[in-house]
Amino acid sequence: MSVRREWRDSGSASGHMQTVAASGTYNRMQTAYRAYIDHATTCDGCGGGERRCAEADQLWRTYRAART
């Protein structure tokens, strides 16, 4: 995953470094996760997210791959 570290000012307390994903990486992750959630909540085979069907497994693997 393409990441960088940025300083985050937390107001009156001391700040800290925060890991930030590049926008393209973030967009791929967000799109893949949304596809997984949309599927899992509407698929009869997924039982509303309580279990996963084969398609949900593939969507989850796609999401995990987008994170690397």
N, C-alpha and C. Protein backbone atom coordinates (compact mmCIF):
# COMPACT_ATOMS: atom_id res chain seq x y z
N MET A 1 0.85 -1.16 0.00
CA MET A 1 0.00 0.00 0.00
C MET A 1 0.90 1.22 0.00
N SER A 2 0.54 2.19 -0.76
CA SER A 2 1.28 3.44 -0.81
C SER A 2 0.83 4.32 0.36
N VAL A 3 1.72 4.50 1.32
CA VAL A 3 1.39 5.30 2.49
C VAL A 3 2.48 6.32 2.75
N ARG A 4 2.15 7.31 3.50
CA ARG A 4 3.13 8.30 3.93
C ARG A 4 2.79 8.69 5.36
N ARG A 5 3.69 9.33 6.02
CA ARG A 5 3.48 9.80 7.39
C ARG A 5 3.31 11.31 7.35
N GLU A 6 2.29 11.80 8.03
CA GLU A 6 2.04 13.24 8.10
C GLU A 6 1.89 13.65 9.56
N TRP A 7 2.31 14.86 9.86
CA TRP A 7 2.14 15.41 11.19
C TRP A 7 0.68 15.80 11.40
N ARG A 8 0.12 15.40 12.51
CA ARG A 8 -1.26 15.77 12.85
C ARG A 8 -1.23 16.60 14.12
N ASP A 9 -1.62 17.85 13.99
CA ASP A 9 -1.69 18.76 15.13
C ASP A 9 -2.97 18.45 15.88
N SER A 10 -2.86 18.12 17.15
CA SER A 10 -4.06 17.76 17.91
C SER A 10 -4.52 18.88 18.84
N GLY A 11 -4.32 20.09 18.42
CA GLY A 11 -4.81 21.22 19.20
C GLY A 11 -3.86 21.63 20.31
N SER A 12 -4.36 21.70 21.53
CA SER A 12 -3.54 22.18 22.64
C SER A 12 -2.53 21.14 23.12
N ALA A 13 -2.77 19.87 22.87
CA ALA A 13 -1.83 18.82 23.26
C ALA A 13 -0.76 18.67 22.18
N SER A 14 0.25 17.89 22.48
CA SER A 14 1.28 17.66 21.47
C SER A 14 0.71 16.82 20.34
N GLY A 15 1.16 17.05 19.14
CA GLY A 15 0.66 16.32 17.98
C GLY A 15 1.35 14.98 17.83
N HIS A 16 1.10 14.32 16.73
CA HIS A 16 1.72 13.02 16.46
C HIS A 16 1.77 12.77 14.95
N MET A 17 2.57 11.79 14.57
CA MET A 17 2.65 11.39 13.17
C MET A 17 1.51 10.41 12.90
N GLN A 18 0.88 10.57 11.75
CA GLN A 18 -0.25 9.73 11.36
C GLN A 18 0.06 9.10 10.02
N THR A 19 -0.24 7.81 9.87
CA THR A 19 -0.07 7.13 8.60
C THR A 19 -1.25 7.48 7.71
N VAL A 20 -0.96 7.89 6.47
CA VAL A 20 -2.00 8.31 5.53
C VAL A 20 -1.82 7.54 4.23
N ALA A 21 -2.88 6.90 3.76
CA ALA A 21 -2.82 6.19 2.49
C ALA A 21 -2.92 7.18 1.35
N ALA A 22 -2.24 6.87 0.26
CA ALA A 22 -2.36 7.70 -0.94
C ALA A 22 -3.82 7.66 -1.41
N SER A 23 -4.29 8.70 -2.04
CA SER A 23 -5.70 8.78 -2.39
C SER A 23 -6.15 7.65 -3.32
N GLY A 24 -5.30 7.24 -4.26
CA GLY A 24 -5.67 6.13 -5.15
C GLY A 24 -5.85 4.83 -4.39
N THR A 25 -4.95 4.58 -3.44
CA THR A 25 -5.05 3.38 -2.62
C THR A 25 -6.31 3.43 -1.77
N TYR A 26 -6.55 4.56 -1.15
CA TYR A 26 -7.73 4.72 -0.32
C TYR A 26 -9.00 4.49 -1.13
N ASN A 27 -9.07 5.06 -2.33
CA ASN A 27 -10.26 4.90 -3.17
C ASN A 27 -10.48 3.44 -3.54
N ARG A 28 -9.41 2.72 -3.88
CA ARG A 28 -9.56 1.29 -4.20
C ARG A 28 -10.06 0.52 -3.00
N MET A 29 -9.50 0.81 -1.82
CA MET A 29 -9.93 0.13 -0.60
C MET A 29 -11.39 0.42 -0.29
N GLN A 30 -11.76 1.69 -0.38
CA GLN A 30 -13.12 2.10 -0.07
C GLN A 30 -14.12 1.47 -1.04
N THR A 31 -13.80 1.46 -2.32
CA THR A 31 -14.69 0.87 -3.33
C THR A 31 -14.85 -0.63 -3.10
N ALA A 32 -13.75 -1.33 -2.83
CA ALA A 32 -13.81 -2.78 -2.60
C ALA A 32 -14.58 -3.10 -1.33
N TYR A 33 -14.37 -2.34 -0.27
CA TYR A 33 -15.08 -2.60 0.98
C TYR A 33 -16.57 -2.33 0.82
N ARG A 34 -16.92 -1.26 0.13
CA ARG A 34 -18.33 -0.94 -0.11
C ARG A 34 -19.00 -2.05 -0.90
N ALA A 35 -18.31 -2.61 -1.90
CA ALA A 35 -18.88 -3.72 -2.68
C ALA A 35 -19.13 -4.93 -1.78
N TYR A 36 -18.19 -5.21 -0.89
CA TYR A 36 -18.35 -6.33 0.05
C TYR A 36 -19.55 -6.09 0.97
N ILE A 37 -19.63 -4.92 1.58
CA ILE A 37 -20.72 -4.62 2.52
C ILE A 37 -22.07 -4.62 1.81
N ASP A 38 -22.14 -4.01 0.64
CA ASP A 38 -23.40 -3.99 -0.10
C ASP A 38 -23.86 -5.40 -0.40
N HIS A 39 -22.93 -6.26 -0.82
CA HIS A 39 -23.29 -7.64 -1.13
C HIS A 39 -23.73 -8.38 0.14
N ALA A 40 -22.93 -8.30 1.18
CA ALA A 40 -23.18 -9.08 2.40
C ALA A 40 -24.51 -8.72 3.06
N THR A 41 -24.94 -7.49 2.92
CA THR A 41 -26.19 -7.09 3.59
C THR A 41 -27.44 -7.38 2.76
N THR A 42 -27.27 -7.74 1.49
CA THR A 42 -28.45 -8.03 0.66
C THR A 42 -28.51 -9.47 0.17
N CYS A 43 -27.44 -10.23 0.33
CA CYS A 43 -27.37 -11.60 -0.18
C CYS A 43 -28.02 -12.58 0.79
N ASP A 44 -28.93 -13.40 0.27
CA ASP A 44 -29.56 -14.42 1.12
C ASP A 44 -28.55 -15.43 1.62
N GLY A 45 -27.54 -15.73 0.81
CA GLY A 45 -26.51 -16.70 1.20
C GLY A 45 -25.58 -16.19 2.28
N CYS A 46 -25.55 -14.88 2.48
CA CYS A 46 -24.69 -14.30 3.51
C CYS A 46 -25.45 -14.08 4.82
N GLY A 47 -26.74 -14.24 4.80
CA GLY A 47 -27.51 -14.10 6.03
C GLY A 47 -27.36 -12.75 6.70
N GLY A 48 -27.33 -11.69 5.93
CA GLY A 48 -27.21 -10.36 6.51
C GLY A 48 -25.87 -10.10 7.17
N GLY A 49 -24.83 -10.78 6.71
CA GLY A 49 -23.49 -10.56 7.24
C GLY A 49 -23.07 -11.56 8.31
N GLU A 50 -23.94 -12.50 8.66
CA GLU A 50 -23.62 -13.48 9.70
C GLU A 50 -22.73 -14.60 9.17
N ARG A 51 -22.75 -14.84 7.88
CA ARG A 51 -21.87 -15.83 7.23
C ARG A 51 -21.53 -15.28 5.85
N ARG A 52 -20.65 -15.97 5.11
CA ARG A 52 -20.26 -15.46 3.79
C ARG A 52 -20.44 -16.54 2.73
N CYS A 53 -21.00 -16.15 1.61
CA CYS A 53 -21.11 -17.03 0.45
C CYS A 53 -19.81 -16.93 -0.35
N ALA A 54 -19.71 -17.70 -1.43
CA ALA A 54 -18.49 -17.71 -2.25
C ALA A 54 -18.22 -16.33 -2.86
N GLU A 55 -19.27 -15.65 -3.30
CA GLU A 55 -19.08 -14.32 -3.89
C GLU A 55 -18.56 -13.32 -2.84
N ALA A 56 -19.10 -13.41 -1.63
CA ALA A 56 -18.64 -12.54 -0.55
C ALA A 56 -17.18 -12.83 -0.21
N ASP A 57 -16.81 -14.10 -0.22
CA ASP A 57 -15.40 -14.46 0.02
C ASP A 57 -14.49 -13.81 -1.02
N GLN A 58 -14.92 -13.84 -2.28
CA GLN A 58 -14.12 -13.22 -3.34
C GLN A 58 -14.05 -11.71 -3.16
N LEU A 59 -15.16 -11.09 -2.82
CA LEU A 59 -15.17 -9.64 -2.59
C LEU A 59 -14.27 -9.27 -1.41
N TRP A 60 -14.26 -10.10 -0.38
CA TRP A 60 -13.39 -9.85 0.77
C TRP A 60 -11.92 -9.96 0.37
N ARG A 61 -11.59 -10.97 -0.44
CA ARG A 61 -10.20 -11.12 -0.91
C ARG A 61 -9.80 -9.93 -1.77
N THR A 62 -10.72 -9.42 -2.57
CA THR A 62 -10.44 -8.24 -3.38
C THR A 62 -10.14 -7.03 -2.49
N TYR A 63 -10.94 -6.88 -1.45
CA TYR A 63 -10.70 -5.79 -0.49
C TYR A 63 -9.33 -5.94 0.16
N ARG A 64 -9.01 -7.14 0.63
CA ARG A 64 -7.71 -7.37 1.29
C ARG A 64 -6.56 -7.09 0.33
N ALA A 65 -6.72 -7.46 -0.93
CA ALA A 65 -5.68 -7.20 -1.93
C ALA A 65 -5.51 -5.70 -2.18
N ALA A 66 -6.60 -4.95 -2.11
CA ALA A 66 -6.53 -3.50 -2.32
C ALA A 66 -5.75 -2.81 -1.22
N ARG A 67 -5.68 -3.46 -0.06
CA ARG A 67 -4.96 -2.87 1.08
C ARG A 67 -3.45 -3.03 0.97
N THR A 68 -2.98 -3.89 0.07
CA THR A 68 -1.53 -4.12 -0.03
C THR A 68 -0.92 -3.38 -1.19
